[in-house]
N, C-alpha and C. Protein backbone atom coordinates (compact mmCIF):
# COMPACT_ATOMS: atom_id res chain seq x y z
N MET A 1 8.36 7.97 -10.71
CA MET A 1 8.86 7.08 -9.67
C MET A 1 8.39 5.65 -9.94
N VAL A 2 9.31 4.71 -9.86
CA VAL A 2 8.98 3.30 -10.05
C VAL A 2 8.62 2.69 -8.70
N VAL A 3 7.47 2.07 -8.65
CA VAL A 3 7.02 1.38 -7.44
C VAL A 3 7.16 -0.11 -7.68
N THR A 4 7.89 -0.79 -6.82
CA THR A 4 8.11 -2.23 -7.01
C THR A 4 7.46 -3.02 -5.88
N GLY A 5 6.84 -4.10 -6.27
CA GLY A 5 6.27 -5.01 -5.29
C GLY A 5 5.00 -4.52 -4.62
N ALA A 6 4.36 -3.47 -5.13
CA ALA A 6 3.19 -2.92 -4.46
C ALA A 6 2.01 -3.87 -4.58
N HIS A 7 1.37 -4.12 -3.45
CA HIS A 7 0.19 -4.99 -3.45
C HIS A 7 -0.68 -4.64 -2.25
N VAL A 8 -1.96 -4.95 -2.36
CA VAL A 8 -2.94 -4.73 -1.29
C VAL A 8 -3.12 -6.03 -0.54
N ARG A 9 -3.19 -5.94 0.77
CA ARG A 9 -3.43 -7.12 1.60
C ARG A 9 -4.26 -6.71 2.81
N PRO A 10 -4.86 -7.67 3.51
CA PRO A 10 -5.59 -7.34 4.74
C PRO A 10 -4.67 -6.77 5.80
N PHE A 11 -5.22 -5.90 6.62
CA PHE A 11 -4.49 -5.33 7.75
C PHE A 11 -4.07 -6.41 8.73
N ASP A 12 -2.86 -6.25 9.27
CA ASP A 12 -2.35 -7.07 10.36
C ASP A 12 -2.06 -6.14 11.53
N PRO A 13 -2.32 -6.56 12.77
CA PRO A 13 -2.04 -5.66 13.91
C PRO A 13 -0.62 -5.12 13.93
N ALA A 14 0.32 -5.84 13.34
CA ALA A 14 1.70 -5.36 13.27
C ALA A 14 1.83 -4.10 12.40
N ASP A 15 0.80 -3.79 11.60
CA ASP A 15 0.81 -2.61 10.73
C ASP A 15 0.36 -1.34 11.46
N THR A 16 -0.05 -1.45 12.71
CA THR A 16 -0.69 -0.32 13.38
C THR A 16 0.18 0.93 13.41
N ASP A 17 1.43 0.80 13.82
CA ASP A 17 2.28 1.98 13.90
C ASP A 17 2.49 2.62 12.53
N ALA A 18 2.64 1.80 11.50
CA ALA A 18 2.80 2.34 10.15
C ALA A 18 1.55 3.11 9.72
N CYS A 19 0.37 2.59 10.07
CA CYS A 19 -0.87 3.29 9.71
C CYS A 19 -0.97 4.63 10.43
N TYR A 20 -0.60 4.67 11.70
CA TYR A 20 -0.60 5.93 12.43
C TYR A 20 0.35 6.93 11.77
N GLU A 21 1.52 6.47 11.37
CA GLU A 21 2.50 7.35 10.73
C GLU A 21 1.98 7.88 9.40
N ILE A 22 1.35 7.02 8.61
CA ILE A 22 0.78 7.44 7.33
C ILE A 22 -0.33 8.46 7.56
N CYS A 23 -1.15 8.23 8.57
CA CYS A 23 -2.22 9.16 8.90
C CYS A 23 -1.65 10.55 9.18
N LEU A 24 -0.59 10.62 9.97
CA LEU A 24 0.03 11.89 10.29
C LEU A 24 0.65 12.54 9.06
N ARG A 25 1.27 11.75 8.22
CA ARG A 25 2.00 12.29 7.06
C ARG A 25 1.08 12.65 5.90
N THR A 26 -0.21 12.45 6.07
CA THR A 26 -1.18 12.84 5.03
C THR A 26 -2.31 13.70 5.59
N ALA A 27 -2.18 14.14 6.84
CA ALA A 27 -3.31 14.77 7.54
C ALA A 27 -3.52 16.23 7.21
N HIS A 28 -2.59 16.86 6.50
CA HIS A 28 -2.74 18.28 6.17
C HIS A 28 -3.22 18.40 4.73
N ASN A 29 -4.53 18.10 4.53
CA ASN A 29 -5.11 18.11 3.18
C ASN A 29 -4.31 17.24 2.22
N GLY A 30 -3.89 16.09 2.70
CA GLY A 30 -3.12 15.16 1.90
C GLY A 30 -1.62 15.31 2.02
N ALA A 31 -1.17 16.38 2.66
CA ALA A 31 0.26 16.63 2.83
C ALA A 31 0.70 16.28 4.25
N ASP A 32 2.00 16.33 4.47
CA ASP A 32 2.59 15.94 5.75
C ASP A 32 2.22 16.93 6.84
N ALA A 33 1.62 16.42 7.92
CA ALA A 33 1.23 17.27 9.05
C ALA A 33 2.15 17.10 10.25
N SER A 34 3.25 16.37 10.09
CA SER A 34 4.10 16.08 11.24
C SER A 34 4.68 17.34 11.86
N GLY A 35 4.88 18.39 11.06
CA GLY A 35 5.41 19.64 11.59
C GLY A 35 4.38 20.46 12.34
N LEU A 36 3.12 20.07 12.28
CA LEU A 36 2.05 20.81 12.94
C LEU A 36 1.69 20.25 14.30
N HIS A 37 2.17 19.04 14.61
CA HIS A 37 1.76 18.35 15.84
C HIS A 37 2.96 18.06 16.72
N THR A 38 2.83 18.36 18.00
CA THR A 38 3.86 17.95 18.96
C THR A 38 3.63 16.52 19.43
N ASP A 39 2.41 16.04 19.33
CA ASP A 39 2.08 14.67 19.67
C ASP A 39 1.88 13.90 18.36
N PRO A 40 2.79 13.00 18.01
CA PRO A 40 2.71 12.36 16.69
C PRO A 40 1.60 11.33 16.55
N ARG A 41 0.94 10.94 17.65
CA ARG A 41 -0.08 9.89 17.57
C ARG A 41 -1.50 10.41 17.66
N ILE A 42 -1.68 11.67 18.02
CA ILE A 42 -3.02 12.15 18.31
C ILE A 42 -3.92 12.11 17.08
N VAL A 43 -3.39 12.39 15.90
CA VAL A 43 -4.20 12.35 14.68
C VAL A 43 -4.68 10.93 14.42
N GLY A 44 -3.76 9.98 14.54
CA GLY A 44 -4.13 8.59 14.31
C GLY A 44 -5.13 8.05 15.30
N GLU A 45 -5.11 8.57 16.53
CA GLU A 45 -6.08 8.12 17.54
C GLU A 45 -7.51 8.47 17.13
N ILE A 46 -7.67 9.47 16.30
CA ILE A 46 -9.00 9.89 15.85
C ILE A 46 -9.39 9.19 14.56
N TRP A 47 -8.49 9.18 13.58
CA TRP A 47 -8.88 8.86 12.22
C TRP A 47 -8.55 7.44 11.76
N VAL A 48 -7.70 6.72 12.48
CA VAL A 48 -7.37 5.37 12.02
C VAL A 48 -7.44 4.34 13.14
N GLY A 49 -6.97 4.66 14.35
CA GLY A 49 -6.90 3.70 15.43
C GLY A 49 -8.20 2.99 15.74
N PRO A 50 -9.31 3.72 15.89
CA PRO A 50 -10.55 3.02 16.27
C PRO A 50 -11.02 2.00 15.25
N TYR A 51 -10.75 2.25 13.98
CA TYR A 51 -11.16 1.30 12.94
C TYR A 51 -10.31 0.04 12.99
N LEU A 52 -9.02 0.21 13.25
CA LEU A 52 -8.14 -0.96 13.33
C LEU A 52 -8.51 -1.86 14.49
N VAL A 53 -9.02 -1.27 15.57
CA VAL A 53 -9.40 -2.03 16.76
C VAL A 53 -10.80 -2.62 16.62
N ARG A 54 -11.76 -1.80 16.22
CA ARG A 54 -13.16 -2.24 16.22
C ARG A 54 -13.56 -2.95 14.93
N TRP A 55 -12.97 -2.56 13.80
CA TRP A 55 -13.40 -3.09 12.51
C TRP A 55 -12.20 -3.61 11.69
N PRO A 56 -11.37 -4.47 12.23
CA PRO A 56 -10.16 -4.89 11.50
C PRO A 56 -10.46 -5.63 10.20
N ASP A 57 -11.62 -6.26 10.10
CA ASP A 57 -11.97 -6.96 8.85
C ASP A 57 -12.25 -6.00 7.71
N TYR A 58 -12.37 -4.73 8.01
CA TYR A 58 -12.63 -3.71 6.99
C TYR A 58 -11.43 -2.79 6.83
N ALA A 59 -10.25 -3.30 7.15
CA ALA A 59 -9.01 -2.55 7.01
C ALA A 59 -8.06 -3.29 6.09
N PHE A 60 -7.49 -2.56 5.15
CA PHE A 60 -6.53 -3.11 4.20
C PHE A 60 -5.36 -2.14 4.07
N VAL A 61 -4.19 -2.68 3.77
CA VAL A 61 -3.01 -1.85 3.56
C VAL A 61 -2.43 -2.13 2.19
N VAL A 62 -1.66 -1.18 1.68
CA VAL A 62 -0.86 -1.41 0.48
C VAL A 62 0.60 -1.38 0.90
N GLU A 63 1.32 -2.37 0.46
CA GLU A 63 2.71 -2.56 0.85
C GLU A 63 3.57 -2.69 -0.40
N ASP A 64 4.74 -2.06 -0.38
CA ASP A 64 5.70 -2.22 -1.46
C ASP A 64 7.05 -2.61 -0.86
N ASP A 65 8.11 -2.52 -1.64
CA ASP A 65 9.42 -2.93 -1.16
C ASP A 65 9.93 -2.07 -0.01
N GLU A 66 9.34 -0.88 0.18
CA GLU A 66 9.74 -0.01 1.28
C GLU A 66 8.89 -0.21 2.53
N GLY A 67 7.86 -1.04 2.43
CA GLY A 67 6.99 -1.29 3.57
C GLY A 67 5.58 -0.80 3.32
N VAL A 68 4.79 -0.72 4.38
CA VAL A 68 3.40 -0.26 4.27
C VAL A 68 3.40 1.24 3.97
N GLY A 69 2.70 1.61 2.92
CA GLY A 69 2.68 3.00 2.51
C GLY A 69 1.28 3.56 2.28
N GLY A 70 0.26 2.81 2.66
CA GLY A 70 -1.10 3.29 2.50
C GLY A 70 -2.08 2.35 3.18
N TYR A 71 -3.28 2.85 3.40
CA TYR A 71 -4.30 2.03 4.05
C TYR A 71 -5.68 2.53 3.67
N ILE A 72 -6.65 1.67 3.88
CA ILE A 72 -8.05 2.06 3.87
C ILE A 72 -8.69 1.42 5.09
N VAL A 73 -9.50 2.17 5.81
CA VAL A 73 -10.23 1.65 6.96
C VAL A 73 -11.69 2.07 6.82
N GLY A 74 -12.56 1.31 7.43
CA GLY A 74 -13.97 1.66 7.33
C GLY A 74 -14.81 0.88 8.32
N THR A 75 -16.08 1.19 8.28
CA THR A 75 -17.07 0.50 9.09
C THR A 75 -18.31 0.26 8.25
N PRO A 76 -18.96 -0.88 8.40
CA PRO A 76 -20.21 -1.10 7.68
C PRO A 76 -21.40 -0.40 8.32
N ASP A 77 -21.25 0.09 9.54
CA ASP A 77 -22.37 0.62 10.32
C ASP A 77 -21.92 1.88 11.06
N THR A 78 -22.16 3.03 10.46
CA THR A 78 -21.70 4.29 11.06
C THR A 78 -22.34 4.54 12.41
N HIS A 79 -23.63 4.24 12.56
CA HIS A 79 -24.29 4.47 13.84
C HIS A 79 -23.64 3.63 14.94
N ALA A 80 -23.38 2.34 14.67
CA ALA A 80 -22.74 1.48 15.66
C ALA A 80 -21.34 1.98 15.98
N HIS A 81 -20.63 2.44 14.96
CA HIS A 81 -19.28 2.97 15.17
C HIS A 81 -19.31 4.21 16.07
N ASP A 82 -20.24 5.10 15.79
CA ASP A 82 -20.33 6.32 16.59
C ASP A 82 -20.63 6.01 18.06
N ARG A 83 -21.51 5.05 18.31
CA ARG A 83 -21.81 4.66 19.69
C ARG A 83 -20.57 4.09 20.37
N TRP A 84 -19.88 3.22 19.68
CA TRP A 84 -18.68 2.61 20.25
C TRP A 84 -17.59 3.65 20.53
N ILE A 85 -17.44 4.60 19.60
CA ILE A 85 -16.47 5.68 19.81
C ILE A 85 -16.77 6.41 21.12
N ASP A 86 -18.02 6.79 21.32
CA ASP A 86 -18.39 7.56 22.51
C ASP A 86 -18.27 6.75 23.79
N GLU A 87 -18.69 5.49 23.75
CA GLU A 87 -18.79 4.69 24.96
C GLU A 87 -17.49 3.99 25.33
N GLU A 88 -16.60 3.78 24.37
CA GLU A 88 -15.39 3.02 24.67
C GLU A 88 -14.10 3.71 24.21
N TRP A 89 -13.96 3.93 22.92
CA TRP A 89 -12.66 4.38 22.41
C TRP A 89 -12.24 5.73 22.97
N MET A 90 -13.14 6.68 22.98
CA MET A 90 -12.77 8.03 23.38
C MET A 90 -12.67 8.22 24.89
N VAL A 91 -13.20 7.30 25.67
CA VAL A 91 -13.20 7.49 27.13
C VAL A 91 -11.79 7.63 27.69
N PRO A 92 -10.87 6.70 27.44
CA PRO A 92 -9.52 6.89 27.96
C PRO A 92 -8.78 8.04 27.28
N LEU A 93 -9.10 8.31 26.03
CA LEU A 93 -8.44 9.41 25.34
C LEU A 93 -8.83 10.75 25.93
N ARG A 94 -10.08 10.87 26.38
CA ARG A 94 -10.50 12.12 27.00
C ARG A 94 -9.78 12.36 28.32
N ALA A 95 -9.45 11.29 29.01
CA ALA A 95 -8.65 11.43 30.23
C ALA A 95 -7.20 11.76 29.89
N GLN A 96 -6.70 11.16 28.83
CA GLN A 96 -5.31 11.40 28.43
C GLN A 96 -5.11 12.79 27.85
N TYR A 97 -6.15 13.28 27.14
CA TYR A 97 -6.08 14.58 26.47
C TYR A 97 -7.19 15.49 26.97
N PRO A 98 -7.10 16.00 28.20
CA PRO A 98 -8.15 16.94 28.67
C PRO A 98 -8.10 18.23 27.89
N ARG A 99 -9.23 18.87 27.78
CA ARG A 99 -9.27 20.18 27.14
C ARG A 99 -8.28 21.11 27.84
N GLY A 100 -7.53 21.87 27.06
CA GLY A 100 -6.56 22.80 27.60
C GLY A 100 -5.16 22.23 27.73
N CYS A 101 -4.97 20.95 27.35
CA CYS A 101 -3.64 20.36 27.49
C CYS A 101 -2.68 20.84 26.40
N PHE A 102 -3.22 21.45 25.34
CA PHE A 102 -2.39 22.07 24.31
C PHE A 102 -2.86 23.53 24.14
N ALA A 103 -1.98 24.35 23.66
CA ALA A 103 -2.30 25.77 23.48
C ALA A 103 -3.42 25.94 22.47
N ASP A 104 -4.33 26.88 22.77
CA ASP A 104 -5.42 27.17 21.85
C ASP A 104 -4.88 27.56 20.48
N GLY A 105 -5.59 27.11 19.45
CA GLY A 105 -5.22 27.47 18.09
C GLY A 105 -4.20 26.55 17.45
N THR A 106 -3.70 25.57 18.20
CA THR A 106 -2.75 24.63 17.63
C THR A 106 -3.48 23.44 17.01
N ALA A 107 -2.79 22.74 16.13
CA ALA A 107 -3.38 21.55 15.52
C ALA A 107 -3.68 20.49 16.56
N ASP A 108 -2.83 20.36 17.57
CA ASP A 108 -3.09 19.39 18.63
C ASP A 108 -4.35 19.74 19.41
N ALA A 109 -4.54 21.03 19.70
CA ALA A 109 -5.75 21.45 20.41
C ALA A 109 -7.00 21.16 19.59
N ASP A 110 -6.91 21.34 18.27
CA ASP A 110 -8.05 21.01 17.42
C ASP A 110 -8.38 19.52 17.51
N CYS A 111 -7.36 18.67 17.57
CA CYS A 111 -7.59 17.23 17.71
C CYS A 111 -8.23 16.90 19.06
N VAL A 112 -7.78 17.58 20.11
CA VAL A 112 -8.38 17.35 21.43
C VAL A 112 -9.87 17.63 21.38
N GLU A 113 -10.27 18.69 20.70
CA GLU A 113 -11.69 19.01 20.62
C GLU A 113 -12.45 17.91 19.88
N LEU A 114 -11.84 17.33 18.85
CA LEU A 114 -12.48 16.22 18.15
C LEU A 114 -12.59 14.98 19.03
N ILE A 115 -11.66 14.80 19.94
CA ILE A 115 -11.74 13.68 20.87
C ILE A 115 -12.92 13.87 21.83
N HIS A 116 -13.13 15.11 22.26
CA HIS A 116 -14.22 15.38 23.22
C HIS A 116 -15.57 15.52 22.52
N VAL A 117 -15.56 15.99 21.29
CA VAL A 117 -16.80 16.11 20.51
C VAL A 117 -16.54 15.54 19.12
N PRO A 118 -16.64 14.22 18.97
CA PRO A 118 -16.36 13.61 17.67
C PRO A 118 -17.30 14.12 16.59
N PRO A 119 -16.81 14.27 15.38
CA PRO A 119 -17.67 14.74 14.29
C PRO A 119 -18.75 13.71 13.98
N ARG A 120 -19.90 14.20 13.57
CA ARG A 120 -21.02 13.34 13.23
C ARG A 120 -21.57 13.72 11.86
N VAL A 121 -21.90 12.72 11.08
CA VAL A 121 -22.49 12.91 9.76
C VAL A 121 -24.00 13.02 9.92
N PRO A 122 -24.65 13.90 9.17
CA PRO A 122 -26.11 14.03 9.29
C PRO A 122 -26.82 12.69 9.12
N PRO A 123 -27.82 12.41 9.96
CA PRO A 123 -28.47 11.09 9.93
C PRO A 123 -29.11 10.76 8.59
N GLU A 124 -29.54 11.76 7.85
CA GLU A 124 -30.16 11.45 6.56
C GLU A 124 -29.15 10.90 5.56
N ILE A 125 -27.88 11.26 5.72
CA ILE A 125 -26.84 10.70 4.86
C ILE A 125 -26.50 9.28 5.30
N VAL A 126 -26.41 9.06 6.60
CA VAL A 126 -26.14 7.71 7.10
C VAL A 126 -27.27 6.76 6.73
N ALA A 127 -28.50 7.28 6.66
CA ALA A 127 -29.64 6.43 6.31
C ALA A 127 -29.50 5.83 4.92
N THR A 128 -28.93 6.59 4.00
CA THR A 128 -28.79 6.11 2.62
C THR A 128 -27.40 5.56 2.33
N HIS A 129 -26.39 5.97 3.11
CA HIS A 129 -25.00 5.54 2.92
C HIS A 129 -24.45 5.10 4.29
N PRO A 130 -24.84 3.92 4.77
CA PRO A 130 -24.57 3.55 6.17
C PRO A 130 -23.10 3.29 6.49
N ALA A 131 -22.31 2.93 5.51
CA ALA A 131 -20.89 2.69 5.75
C ALA A 131 -20.10 3.98 5.54
N HIS A 132 -18.90 4.05 6.13
CA HIS A 132 -17.99 5.14 5.77
C HIS A 132 -16.55 4.63 5.81
N LEU A 133 -15.65 5.43 5.24
CA LEU A 133 -14.26 4.99 5.10
C LEU A 133 -13.31 6.17 5.23
N HIS A 134 -12.03 5.83 5.48
CA HIS A 134 -10.91 6.75 5.39
C HIS A 134 -9.81 6.05 4.60
N ILE A 135 -9.18 6.77 3.69
CA ILE A 135 -8.12 6.20 2.87
C ILE A 135 -6.97 7.19 2.79
N ASP A 136 -5.74 6.69 2.93
CA ASP A 136 -4.56 7.55 2.85
C ASP A 136 -3.43 6.77 2.20
N LEU A 137 -2.69 7.46 1.31
CA LEU A 137 -1.54 6.90 0.63
C LEU A 137 -0.38 7.88 0.70
N LEU A 138 0.81 7.38 0.99
CA LEU A 138 1.98 8.23 0.92
C LEU A 138 2.26 8.57 -0.55
N PRO A 139 2.95 9.69 -0.80
CA PRO A 139 3.16 10.14 -2.19
C PRO A 139 3.78 9.09 -3.11
N ARG A 140 4.66 8.26 -2.57
CA ARG A 140 5.34 7.29 -3.46
C ARG A 140 4.38 6.28 -4.07
N LEU A 141 3.22 6.09 -3.44
CA LEU A 141 2.27 5.10 -3.93
C LEU A 141 1.07 5.73 -4.63
N GLN A 142 1.04 7.03 -4.72
CA GLN A 142 -0.06 7.70 -5.41
C GLN A 142 0.15 7.66 -6.92
N GLY A 143 -0.95 7.55 -7.65
CA GLY A 143 -0.87 7.55 -9.10
C GLY A 143 -0.49 6.23 -9.72
N HIS A 144 -0.55 5.15 -8.94
CA HIS A 144 -0.18 3.83 -9.46
C HIS A 144 -1.32 2.83 -9.35
N GLY A 145 -2.52 3.30 -9.14
CA GLY A 145 -3.67 2.41 -9.06
C GLY A 145 -3.88 1.78 -7.70
N MET A 146 -3.07 2.16 -6.72
CA MET A 146 -3.19 1.54 -5.41
C MET A 146 -4.42 2.04 -4.64
N GLY A 147 -4.77 3.30 -4.83
CA GLY A 147 -5.98 3.81 -4.19
C GLY A 147 -7.22 3.10 -4.70
N ARG A 148 -7.28 2.89 -5.99
CA ARG A 148 -8.39 2.15 -6.58
C ARG A 148 -8.43 0.72 -6.05
N ALA A 149 -7.26 0.10 -5.93
CA ALA A 149 -7.21 -1.28 -5.43
C ALA A 149 -7.66 -1.37 -3.98
N LEU A 150 -7.29 -0.38 -3.15
CA LEU A 150 -7.75 -0.36 -1.77
C LEU A 150 -9.27 -0.21 -1.70
N MET A 151 -9.80 0.69 -2.52
CA MET A 151 -11.26 0.87 -2.55
C MET A 151 -11.95 -0.42 -2.96
N ALA A 152 -11.42 -1.08 -3.97
CA ALA A 152 -12.05 -2.31 -4.44
C ALA A 152 -12.06 -3.37 -3.34
N ALA A 153 -10.97 -3.45 -2.57
CA ALA A 153 -10.91 -4.44 -1.49
C ALA A 153 -11.96 -4.15 -0.43
N LEU A 154 -12.08 -2.89 -0.03
CA LEU A 154 -13.07 -2.55 0.99
C LEU A 154 -14.49 -2.71 0.46
N PHE A 155 -14.73 -2.29 -0.78
CA PHE A 155 -16.08 -2.41 -1.33
C PHE A 155 -16.51 -3.87 -1.39
N GLY A 156 -15.58 -4.76 -1.73
CA GLY A 156 -15.92 -6.18 -1.75
C GLY A 156 -16.32 -6.68 -0.37
N GLN A 157 -15.62 -6.22 0.66
CA GLN A 157 -15.95 -6.61 2.03
C GLN A 157 -17.32 -6.06 2.43
N LEU A 158 -17.59 -4.82 2.07
CA LEU A 158 -18.87 -4.21 2.41
C LEU A 158 -20.02 -4.90 1.68
N ARG A 159 -19.83 -5.21 0.40
CA ARG A 159 -20.87 -5.92 -0.33
C ARG A 159 -21.15 -7.27 0.31
N GLY A 160 -20.10 -7.95 0.75
CA GLY A 160 -20.29 -9.24 1.40
C GLY A 160 -21.09 -9.14 2.68
N ALA A 161 -21.05 -7.96 3.31
CA ALA A 161 -21.84 -7.73 4.53
C ALA A 161 -23.22 -7.16 4.22
N GLY A 162 -23.56 -7.05 2.95
CA GLY A 162 -24.87 -6.55 2.56
C GLY A 162 -25.01 -5.04 2.62
N VAL A 163 -23.91 -4.32 2.59
CA VAL A 163 -23.94 -2.85 2.65
C VAL A 163 -23.93 -2.29 1.23
N ALA A 164 -24.92 -1.46 0.93
CA ALA A 164 -25.11 -1.02 -0.45
C ALA A 164 -24.40 0.28 -0.80
N ALA A 165 -24.10 1.12 0.21
CA ALA A 165 -23.53 2.43 -0.12
C ALA A 165 -22.64 2.91 1.01
N VAL A 166 -21.68 3.77 0.65
CA VAL A 166 -20.65 4.23 1.58
C VAL A 166 -20.46 5.73 1.39
N HIS A 167 -20.05 6.41 2.48
CA HIS A 167 -19.73 7.84 2.37
C HIS A 167 -18.35 8.09 2.96
N LEU A 168 -17.83 9.25 2.68
CA LEU A 168 -16.56 9.69 3.25
C LEU A 168 -16.56 11.20 3.35
N GLY A 169 -15.71 11.72 4.23
CA GLY A 169 -15.55 13.15 4.36
C GLY A 169 -14.24 13.59 3.76
N CYS A 170 -14.22 14.78 3.20
CA CYS A 170 -13.01 15.29 2.58
C CYS A 170 -13.02 16.81 2.63
N SER A 171 -11.90 17.40 3.02
CA SER A 171 -11.79 18.86 3.02
C SER A 171 -11.92 19.38 1.60
N PRO A 172 -12.67 20.46 1.38
CA PRO A 172 -12.74 21.05 0.05
C PRO A 172 -11.39 21.51 -0.47
N ASP A 173 -10.43 21.70 0.43
CA ASP A 173 -9.09 22.13 0.02
C ASP A 173 -8.24 20.99 -0.51
N ASN A 174 -8.66 19.74 -0.30
CA ASN A 174 -7.89 18.59 -0.75
C ASN A 174 -8.33 18.24 -2.18
N THR A 175 -7.92 19.07 -3.11
CA THR A 175 -8.41 18.96 -4.48
C THR A 175 -7.97 17.66 -5.16
N ASN A 176 -6.78 17.17 -4.85
CA ASN A 176 -6.33 15.92 -5.46
C ASN A 176 -7.21 14.76 -5.03
N ALA A 177 -7.56 14.73 -3.74
CA ALA A 177 -8.42 13.65 -3.27
C ALA A 177 -9.81 13.74 -3.89
N ILE A 178 -10.34 14.94 -3.99
CA ILE A 178 -11.67 15.11 -4.58
C ILE A 178 -11.68 14.63 -6.02
N ALA A 179 -10.64 14.95 -6.77
CA ALA A 179 -10.56 14.49 -8.16
C ALA A 179 -10.53 12.96 -8.22
N PHE A 180 -9.81 12.35 -7.29
CA PHE A 180 -9.75 10.89 -7.22
C PHE A 180 -11.11 10.29 -6.92
N TYR A 181 -11.82 10.87 -5.95
CA TYR A 181 -13.13 10.34 -5.59
C TYR A 181 -14.11 10.50 -6.75
N ARG A 182 -14.07 11.63 -7.40
CA ARG A 182 -14.96 11.82 -8.56
C ARG A 182 -14.67 10.79 -9.64
N HIS A 183 -13.39 10.51 -9.86
CA HIS A 183 -13.01 9.55 -10.89
C HIS A 183 -13.56 8.16 -10.57
N LEU A 184 -13.70 7.86 -9.28
CA LEU A 184 -14.22 6.56 -8.89
C LEU A 184 -15.74 6.53 -8.76
N GLY A 185 -16.39 7.63 -9.12
CA GLY A 185 -17.85 7.63 -9.12
C GLY A 185 -18.52 8.16 -7.88
N PHE A 186 -17.74 8.72 -6.94
CA PHE A 186 -18.35 9.34 -5.77
C PHE A 186 -19.08 10.62 -6.19
N GLU A 187 -20.19 10.87 -5.53
CA GLU A 187 -20.99 12.07 -5.79
C GLU A 187 -21.04 12.95 -4.56
N ASP A 188 -21.08 14.25 -4.78
CA ASP A 188 -21.13 15.22 -3.69
C ASP A 188 -22.47 15.09 -2.96
N LEU A 189 -22.41 14.81 -1.67
CA LEU A 189 -23.62 14.65 -0.88
C LEU A 189 -23.98 15.87 -0.05
N ARG A 190 -22.97 16.66 0.34
CA ARG A 190 -23.25 17.77 1.23
C ARG A 190 -22.16 18.85 1.11
N ALA A 191 -22.44 19.91 0.45
CA ALA A 191 -21.63 21.14 0.47
C ALA A 191 -20.15 20.91 0.21
N GLY A 192 -19.83 19.96 -0.67
CA GLY A 192 -18.45 19.81 -1.08
C GLY A 192 -17.53 19.11 -0.11
N PHE A 193 -18.05 18.58 1.01
CA PHE A 193 -17.15 17.89 1.93
C PHE A 193 -17.60 16.49 2.30
N LEU A 194 -18.78 16.06 1.86
CA LEU A 194 -19.22 14.68 2.06
C LEU A 194 -19.50 14.06 0.69
N TRP A 195 -18.94 12.89 0.48
CA TRP A 195 -19.04 12.22 -0.79
C TRP A 195 -19.55 10.80 -0.59
N GLY A 196 -20.32 10.27 -1.56
CA GLY A 196 -20.87 8.93 -1.41
C GLY A 196 -21.00 8.23 -2.73
N ARG A 197 -21.10 6.91 -2.64
CA ARG A 197 -21.36 6.09 -3.83
C ARG A 197 -21.80 4.70 -3.38
N SER A 198 -22.27 3.92 -4.34
CA SER A 198 -22.62 2.55 -4.04
C SER A 198 -21.36 1.73 -3.86
N THR A 199 -21.51 0.52 -3.36
CA THR A 199 -20.36 -0.35 -3.15
C THR A 199 -20.12 -1.28 -4.34
N GLU A 200 -20.73 -0.98 -5.48
CA GLU A 200 -20.46 -1.77 -6.67
C GLU A 200 -19.00 -1.57 -7.08
N SER A 201 -18.49 -2.45 -7.92
CA SER A 201 -17.09 -2.44 -8.29
C SER A 201 -16.66 -1.06 -8.79
N THR A 202 -15.44 -0.65 -8.42
CA THR A 202 -14.91 0.63 -8.88
C THR A 202 -14.82 0.62 -10.39
N ARG A 203 -15.06 1.81 -10.98
CA ARG A 203 -15.04 1.87 -12.44
C ARG A 203 -13.68 2.33 -12.94
């Protein structure tokens, strides 16, 4: 597939809906999860929305002739992010999505549980890798160096803030993503689902 006009740029608030859509279309171990959710925004409310609102300076998108097709979001301070999530971002979402509003065992119900009990990274990992990130690319932009370019943009921002190391979470079933992270120098930090590296330039 030929990709034309692809480039990385800083996030603009006008990109928000596109980022939510990309999040949904890559949420099933890198594959499209839109068929698993009756609420098309609930995944994005967990994994991309809070970063776009709280940490927009650490958000970048990749855009080609078809529009925005990928993003990277992150925070330089995981502890501060977790506090803000609990005290502000999740408060209205917990009212909007009370437990039991979706049938047990559905993907939407799993998201509701994450809204009420957000995942937390072990403090010993945050101590050494204080930043974290999420990155997603639609298939048309994969394999063209855009993931590396997004990482480089975020790492530059983190270095400028004095952040030395970053971590991310990844399902062990997302083998393509794991191969990508290994190629960029990420190391397994915890049982195959937490990965980390310094914020030095991507190799």
